[in-house]
C-alpha atoms as a PDB file:
ATOM      1  CA  UNK A   1     138.091  -0.917 121.588  1.00  0.00           C
ATOM      2  CA  UNK A   2     140.796  -0.514 118.970  1.00  0.00           C
ATOM      3  CA  UNK A   3     143.046   2.278 120.223  1.00  0.00           C
ATOM      4  CA  UNK A   4     145.753   3.991 118.187  1.00  0.00           C
ATOM      5  CA  UNK A   5     147.222   6.263 120.865  1.00  0.00           C
ATOM      6  CA  UNK A   6     150.647   4.637 120.717  1.00  0.00           C
ATOM      7  CA  UNK A   7     150.774   4.765 116.912  1.00  0.00           C
ATOM      8  CA  UNK A   8     150.179   8.513 116.785  1.00  0.00           C
ATOM      9  CA  UNK A   9     152.330   9.195 119.858  1.00  0.00           C
ATOM     10  CA  UNK A  10     155.295   7.443 118.246  1.00  0.00           C
ATOM     11  CA  UNK A  11     154.586   9.137 114.916  1.00  0.00           C
ATOM     12  CA  UNK A  12     154.887  12.467 116.742  1.00  0.00           C
ATOM     13  CA  UNK A  13     158.158  11.349 118.361  1.00  0.00           C
ATOM     14  CA  UNK A  14     156.696  11.541 121.853  1.00  0.00           C
ATOM     15  CA  UNK A  15     157.315   9.389 124.888  1.00  0.00           C
ATOM     16  CA  UNK A  16     154.481   8.200 127.100  1.00  0.00           C
ATOM     17  CA  UNK A  17     155.802  10.580 129.745  1.00  0.00           C
ATOM     18  CA  UNK A  18     155.822  13.635 127.496  1.00  0.00           C
ATOM     19  CA  UNK A  19     152.289  13.047 126.189  1.00  0.00           C
ATOM     20  CA  UNK A  20     150.994  12.305 129.689  1.00  0.00           C
ATOM     21  CA  UNK A  21     152.606  15.517 130.935  1.00  0.00           C
ATOM     22  CA  UNK A  22     150.920  17.500 128.141  1.00  0.00           C
ATOM     23  CA  UNK A  23     147.545  16.170 129.322  1.00  0.00           C
ATOM     24  CA  UNK A  24     148.374  16.511 133.020  1.00  0.00           C
ATOM     25  CA  UNK A  25     148.153  12.793 133.742  1.00  0.00           C
ATOM     26  CA  UNK A  26     150.476  10.224 135.229  1.00  0.00           C
ATOM     27  CA  UNK A  27     152.486   8.095 132.827  1.00  0.00           C
ATOM     28  CA  UNK A  28     150.800   4.951 134.162  1.00  0.00           C
ATOM     29  CA  UNK A  29     147.321   6.289 133.382  1.00  0.00           C
ATOM     30  CA  UNK A  30     148.166   6.959 129.736  1.00  0.00           C
ATOM     31  CA  UNK A  31     150.051   3.680 129.490  1.00  0.00           C
ATOM     32  CA  UNK A  32     146.998   1.802 130.793  1.00  0.00           C
ATOM     33  CA  UNK A  33     144.884   3.329 128.028  1.00  0.00           C
ATOM     34  CA  UNK A  34     147.493   2.495 125.376  1.00  0.00           C
ATOM     35  CA  UNK A  35     147.693  -1.116 126.524  1.00  0.00           C
ATOM     36  CA  UNK A  36     143.929  -1.565 126.781  1.00  0.00           C
ATOM     37  CA  UNK A  37     144.079  -2.172 130.530  1.00  0.00           C
ATOM     38  CA  UNK A  38     141.655   0.703 131.069  1.00  0.00           C
ATOM     39  CA  UNK A  39     139.171   2.170 128.601  1.00  0.00           C
ATOM     40  CA  UNK A  40     139.066   5.967 128.379  1.00  0.00           C
ATOM     41  CA  UNK A  41     135.738   7.749 128.458  1.00  0.00           C
ATOM     42  CA  UNK A  42     134.762  10.289 125.816  1.00  0.00           C
ATOM     43  CA  UNK A  43     136.211  13.209 127.788  1.00  0.00           C
ATOM     44  CA  UNK A  44     139.558  11.414 128.141  1.00  0.00           C
ATOM     45  CA  UNK A  45     139.554  10.499 124.440  1.00  0.00           C
ATOM     46  CA  UNK A  46     139.046  14.142 123.536  1.00  0.00           C
ATOM     47  CA  UNK A  47     141.914  15.204 125.821  1.00  0.00           C
ATOM     48  CA  UNK A  48     144.256  12.672 124.202  1.00  0.00           C
ATOM     49  CA  UNK A  49     143.336  13.828 120.678  1.00  0.00           C
ATOM     50  CA  UNK A  50     143.749  17.491 121.662  1.00  0.00           C
ATOM     51  CA  UNK A  51     147.149  16.754 123.223  1.00  0.00           C
ATOM     52  CA  UNK A  52     148.341  14.889 120.122  1.00  0.00           C
ATOM     53  CA  UNK A  53     147.185  17.759 117.913  1.00  0.00           C
ATOM     54  CA  UNK A  54     148.901  20.296 120.160  1.00  0.00           C
ATOM     55  CA  UNK A  55     152.125  18.322 119.677  1.00  0.00           C
ATOM     56  CA  UNK A  56     152.051  18.380 115.872  1.00  0.00           C
ATOM     57  CA  UNK A  57     149.645  15.656 114.824  1.00  0.00           C
ATOM     58  CA  UNK A  58     146.550  16.289 112.721  1.00  0.00           C
ATOM     59  CA  UNK A  59     144.256  13.578 114.033  1.00  0.00           C
ATOM     60  CA  UNK A  60     140.561  13.219 114.737  1.00  0.00           C
ATOM     61  CA  UNK A  61     138.744  11.282 117.411  1.00  0.00           C
ATOM     62  CA  UNK A  62     137.987   8.560 114.831  1.00  0.00           C
ATOM     63  CA  UNK A  63     141.682   8.314 113.873  1.00  0.00           C
ATOM     64  CA  UNK A  64     142.829   7.595 117.395  1.00  0.00           C
ATOM     65  CA  UNK A  65     139.704   5.744 118.537  1.00  0.00           C
ATOM     66  CA  UNK A  66     138.198   4.079 115.451  1.00  0.00           C
ATOM     67  CA  UNK A  67     134.497   3.277 115.674  1.00  0.00           C
ATOM     68  CA  UNK A  68     133.525  -0.336 116.254  1.00  0.00           C
ATOM     69  CA  UNK A  69     132.099  -2.225 113.319  1.00  0.00           C
ATOM     70  CA  UNK A  70     129.095  -4.266 114.312  1.00  0.00           C
ATOM     71  CA  UNK A  71     128.331  -7.185 112.011  1.00  0.00           C
END
């Protein structure tokens, strides 16, 4: 899964801690998703997008979690 959480978080000027706090998660949980250590489910993806949008970004689910291209 190609994940753009970090890209949009940095674009918003947010730390991992501040975005995680907005969602109500631990910093390590969000960091694991950013690094691809863990894969978020749909509900978690929606929470991340909502948190980014609440902090000034205008992103969609597909922006942050681009669909896979199957050849």
